[in-house]
Amino acid sequence: FQALRIDVNNEFEVLYDFLEKLPEVLAPNGRVAILTFHSGEDRLVKKSFKALKKQGVYSDVARDVIRPGKAECNRNPRAKSTKMRWAIKK
């Protein structure tokens, strides 16, 4: 069902467009944090942040993914698959 929803909603295309336009709307030293819920989304965010850091758009990006703690997952079982990545614009 997830693959069908992703395809019907063009989720990867929307995320790709968002990541492409994001540097234009961030102020200098602006910060962004993105939560992803499956590996496909996380891969796009990770590659985009790394590429834009290499191009000099971002001054710093998350080296490692941030995951919810055990307590959070106990309170909210759907949080288990969540990953967070962040970036700071130059």
N, C-alpha and C. Protein backbone atom coordinates (compact mmCIF):
# COMPACT_ATOMS: atom_id res chain seq x y z
N PHE A 1 0.81 -1.20 0.00
CA PHE A 1 0.00 0.00 0.00
C PHE A 1 0.86 1.27 0.00
N GLN A 2 1.98 1.20 0.69
CA GLN A 2 2.85 2.37 0.77
C GLN A 2 3.37 2.76 -0.61
N ALA A 3 3.79 1.78 -1.40
CA ALA A 3 4.31 2.06 -2.73
C ALA A 3 3.22 2.68 -3.61
N LEU A 4 2.01 2.21 -3.49
CA LEU A 4 0.89 2.76 -4.25
C LEU A 4 0.63 4.21 -3.85
N ARG A 5 0.62 4.47 -2.54
CA ARG A 5 0.39 5.84 -2.06
C ARG A 5 1.50 6.78 -2.54
N ILE A 6 2.74 6.32 -2.47
CA ILE A 6 3.87 7.13 -2.91
C ILE A 6 3.72 7.49 -4.38
N ASP A 7 3.35 6.50 -5.19
CA ASP A 7 3.20 6.73 -6.63
C ASP A 7 2.02 7.65 -6.93
N VAL A 8 0.88 7.39 -6.34
CA VAL A 8 -0.33 8.18 -6.61
C VAL A 8 -0.13 9.64 -6.21
N ASN A 9 0.55 9.87 -5.09
CA ASN A 9 0.75 11.23 -4.59
C ASN A 9 2.02 11.90 -5.12
N ASN A 10 2.76 11.21 -5.98
CA ASN A 10 4.02 11.74 -6.52
C ASN A 10 4.93 12.24 -5.40
N GLU A 11 5.01 11.49 -4.33
CA GLU A 11 5.73 11.94 -3.14
C GLU A 11 7.22 12.19 -3.38
N PHE A 12 7.87 11.34 -4.15
CA PHE A 12 9.29 11.56 -4.41
C PHE A 12 9.52 12.81 -5.25
N GLU A 13 8.67 13.05 -6.22
CA GLU A 13 8.81 14.24 -7.05
C GLU A 13 8.60 15.51 -6.23
N VAL A 14 7.62 15.47 -5.35
CA VAL A 14 7.32 16.63 -4.49
C VAL A 14 8.50 16.88 -3.55
N LEU A 15 9.04 15.82 -2.95
CA LEU A 15 10.19 15.97 -2.05
C LEU A 15 11.40 16.48 -2.81
N TYR A 16 11.64 15.95 -3.99
CA TYR A 16 12.78 16.39 -4.80
C TYR A 16 12.65 17.89 -5.12
N ASP A 17 11.46 18.33 -5.55
CA ASP A 17 11.23 19.75 -5.85
C ASP A 17 11.44 20.61 -4.61
N PHE A 18 10.96 20.14 -3.47
CA PHE A 18 11.13 20.87 -2.22
C PHE A 18 12.61 21.04 -1.88
N LEU A 19 13.37 19.95 -1.97
CA LEU A 19 14.79 19.99 -1.64
C LEU A 19 15.56 20.90 -2.60
N GLU A 20 15.12 20.95 -3.84
CA GLU A 20 15.76 21.79 -4.85
C GLU A 20 15.51 23.28 -4.57
N LYS A 21 14.31 23.62 -4.12
CA LYS A 21 13.94 25.02 -3.89
C LYS A 21 14.29 25.51 -2.48
N LEU A 22 14.57 24.60 -1.58
CA LEU A 22 14.82 24.94 -0.19
C LEU A 22 15.92 25.99 0.01
N PRO A 23 17.08 25.87 -0.63
CA PRO A 23 18.13 26.88 -0.41
C PRO A 23 17.71 28.29 -0.79
N GLU A 24 16.79 28.43 -1.73
CA GLU A 24 16.34 29.75 -2.17
C GLU A 24 15.53 30.46 -1.09
N VAL A 25 14.85 29.71 -0.24
CA VAL A 25 13.97 30.33 0.75
C VAL A 25 14.61 30.42 2.14
N LEU A 26 15.72 29.71 2.34
CA LEU A 26 16.41 29.79 3.63
C LEU A 26 17.26 31.05 3.70
N ALA A 27 17.17 31.75 4.79
CA ALA A 27 18.01 32.93 5.02
C ALA A 27 19.43 32.46 5.34
N PRO A 28 20.41 33.34 5.19
CA PRO A 28 21.77 32.97 5.62
C PRO A 28 21.74 32.50 7.08
N ASN A 29 22.44 31.43 7.35
CA ASN A 29 22.45 30.77 8.66
C ASN A 29 21.12 30.14 9.02
N GLY A 30 20.19 30.07 8.05
CA GLY A 30 18.91 29.42 8.27
C GLY A 30 19.10 27.93 8.48
N ARG A 31 18.24 27.36 9.26
CA ARG A 31 18.33 25.94 9.60
C ARG A 31 17.08 25.21 9.16
N VAL A 32 17.28 23.98 8.72
CA VAL A 32 16.16 23.15 8.32
C VAL A 32 16.35 21.76 8.92
N ALA A 33 15.26 21.17 9.35
CA ALA A 33 15.25 19.79 9.83
C ALA A 33 14.12 19.07 9.10
N ILE A 34 14.43 17.91 8.58
CA ILE A 34 13.44 17.15 7.82
C ILE A 34 13.28 15.78 8.45
N LEU A 35 12.03 15.41 8.70
CA LEU A 35 11.70 14.07 9.19
C LEU A 35 11.32 13.20 8.02
N THR A 36 11.90 12.02 7.95
CA THR A 36 11.54 11.07 6.91
C THR A 36 10.96 9.82 7.57
N PHE A 37 10.15 9.10 6.79
CA PHE A 37 9.45 7.95 7.37
C PHE A 37 9.76 6.64 6.66
N HIS A 38 10.55 6.70 5.58
CA HIS A 38 11.02 5.45 4.97
C HIS A 38 12.33 5.73 4.24
N SER A 39 13.02 4.66 3.90
CA SER A 39 14.39 4.77 3.40
C SER A 39 14.49 5.55 2.09
N GLY A 40 13.50 5.47 1.24
CA GLY A 40 13.53 6.21 -0.02
C GLY A 40 13.58 7.71 0.20
N GLU A 41 12.73 8.18 1.09
CA GLU A 41 12.74 9.61 1.43
C GLU A 41 14.07 10.01 2.05
N ASP A 42 14.53 9.19 3.00
CA ASP A 42 15.76 9.51 3.71
C ASP A 42 16.94 9.57 2.75
N ARG A 43 16.99 8.69 1.81
CA ARG A 43 18.08 8.67 0.82
C ARG A 43 18.11 9.97 0.02
N LEU A 44 16.93 10.43 -0.42
CA LEU A 44 16.86 11.69 -1.17
C LEU A 44 17.35 12.87 -0.35
N VAL A 45 16.92 12.95 0.90
CA VAL A 45 17.31 14.06 1.77
C VAL A 45 18.82 14.01 2.02
N LYS A 46 19.32 12.84 2.35
CA LYS A 46 20.76 12.68 2.64
C LYS A 46 21.62 13.09 1.45
N LYS A 47 21.27 12.59 0.27
CA LYS A 47 22.05 12.92 -0.93
C LYS A 47 21.97 14.40 -1.27
N SER A 48 20.80 14.99 -1.12
CA SER A 48 20.63 16.41 -1.43
C SER A 48 21.46 17.27 -0.48
N PHE A 49 21.36 17.00 0.81
CA PHE A 49 22.12 17.77 1.79
C PHE A 49 23.62 17.65 1.55
N LYS A 50 24.09 16.43 1.30
CA LYS A 50 25.53 16.23 1.07
C LYS A 50 25.99 16.95 -0.20
N ALA A 51 25.22 16.84 -1.27
CA ALA A 51 25.60 17.48 -2.53
C ALA A 51 25.63 19.00 -2.39
N LEU A 52 24.64 19.56 -1.72
CA LEU A 52 24.59 21.01 -1.55
C LEU A 52 25.66 21.51 -0.59
N LYS A 53 26.06 20.69 0.36
CA LYS A 53 27.18 21.08 1.22
C LYS A 53 28.46 21.10 0.40
N LYS A 54 28.63 20.11 -0.45
CA LYS A 54 29.82 20.04 -1.31
C LYS A 54 29.88 21.24 -2.26
N GLN A 55 28.71 21.74 -2.69
CA GLN A 55 28.64 22.90 -3.58
C GLN A 55 28.80 24.21 -2.82
N GLY A 56 28.82 24.15 -1.50
CA GLY A 56 29.00 25.35 -0.69
C GLY A 56 27.71 26.05 -0.31
N VAL A 57 26.57 25.41 -0.53
CA VAL A 57 25.28 26.02 -0.17
C VAL A 57 25.04 25.90 1.33
N TYR A 58 25.33 24.74 1.89
CA TYR A 58 25.16 24.51 3.32
C TYR A 58 26.52 24.53 4.00
N SER A 59 26.56 25.14 5.18
CA SER A 59 27.82 25.17 5.94
C SER A 59 27.99 23.89 6.75
N ASP A 60 26.90 23.26 7.12
CA ASP A 60 26.98 22.03 7.91
C ASP A 60 25.71 21.22 7.66
N VAL A 61 25.86 19.91 7.71
CA VAL A 61 24.72 19.00 7.58
C VAL A 61 24.89 17.88 8.60
N ALA A 62 23.80 17.21 8.91
CA ALA A 62 23.85 16.08 9.84
C ALA A 62 24.71 14.98 9.26
N ARG A 63 25.70 14.55 10.02
CA ARG A 63 26.54 13.44 9.57
C ARG A 63 25.85 12.11 9.80
N ASP A 64 25.14 12.03 10.90
CA ASP A 64 24.39 10.82 11.24
C ASP A 64 22.92 11.16 11.38
N VAL A 65 22.11 10.19 11.11
CA VAL A 65 20.68 10.37 11.25
C VAL A 65 20.31 10.41 12.74
N ILE A 66 19.30 11.17 13.06
CA ILE A 66 18.80 11.24 14.44
C ILE A 66 17.53 10.42 14.51
N ARG A 67 17.50 9.48 15.42
CA ARG A 67 16.35 8.57 15.56
C ARG A 67 15.67 8.80 16.90
N PRO A 68 14.40 8.46 17.00
CA PRO A 68 13.70 8.62 18.28
C PRO A 68 14.24 7.63 19.32
N GLY A 69 14.18 8.05 20.56
CA GLY A 69 14.63 7.19 21.65
C GLY A 69 13.61 6.11 21.97
N LYS A 70 14.01 5.22 22.83
CA LYS A 70 13.14 4.10 23.22
C LYS A 70 11.86 4.59 23.88
N ALA A 71 11.99 5.62 24.73
CA ALA A 71 10.80 6.15 25.41
C ALA A 71 9.80 6.72 24.41
N GLU A 72 10.31 7.46 23.41
CA GLU A 72 9.43 8.02 22.38
C GLU A 72 8.73 6.91 21.61
N CYS A 73 9.47 5.87 21.26
CA CYS A 73 8.88 4.75 20.50
C CYS A 73 7.84 4.00 21.33
N ASN A 74 8.06 3.93 22.66
CA ASN A 74 7.06 3.29 23.53
C ASN A 74 5.78 4.10 23.58
N ARG A 75 5.93 5.44 23.64
CA ARG A 75 4.74 6.31 23.66
C ARG A 75 4.06 6.36 22.30
N ASN A 76 4.86 6.29 21.23
CA ASN A 76 4.34 6.42 19.87
C ASN A 76 5.01 5.37 18.98
N PRO A 77 4.46 4.17 18.87
CA PRO A 77 5.09 3.10 18.10
C PRO A 77 5.36 3.45 16.64
N ARG A 78 4.58 4.35 16.07
CA ARG A 78 4.81 4.73 14.66
C ARG A 78 6.08 5.55 14.49
N ALA A 79 6.66 6.03 15.58
CA ALA A 79 7.89 6.83 15.50
C ALA A 79 9.11 5.97 15.19
N LYS A 80 9.00 4.65 15.31
CA LYS A 80 10.16 3.76 15.13
C LYS A 80 10.90 4.00 13.82
N SER A 81 10.19 4.22 12.75
CA SER A 81 10.83 4.35 11.44
C SER A 81 11.28 5.78 11.12
N THR A 82 10.98 6.71 11.99
CA THR A 82 11.29 8.12 11.73
C THR A 82 12.78 8.40 11.83
N LYS A 83 13.27 9.21 10.89
CA LYS A 83 14.66 9.66 10.90
C LYS A 83 14.65 11.17 10.69
N MET A 84 15.59 11.86 11.33
CA MET A 84 15.67 13.31 11.14
C MET A 84 17.07 13.66 10.66
N ARG A 85 17.12 14.55 9.67
CA ARG A 85 18.37 15.10 9.16
C ARG A 85 18.22 16.61 9.15
N TRP A 86 19.33 17.32 9.32
CA TRP A 86 19.29 18.78 9.38
C TRP A 86 20.41 19.35 8.53
N ALA A 87 20.25 20.65 8.20
CA ALA A 87 21.28 21.38 7.45
C ALA A 87 21.22 22.85 7.86
N ILE A 88 22.36 23.53 7.70
CA ILE A 88 22.47 24.96 7.99
C ILE A 88 23.00 25.64 6.73
N LYS A 89 22.29 26.65 6.28
CA LYS A 89 22.70 27.38 5.09
C LYS A 89 23.86 28.32 5.41
N LYS A 90 24.77 28.49 4.46
CA LYS A 90 25.90 29.43 4.65
C LYS A 90 25.40 30.84 4.69
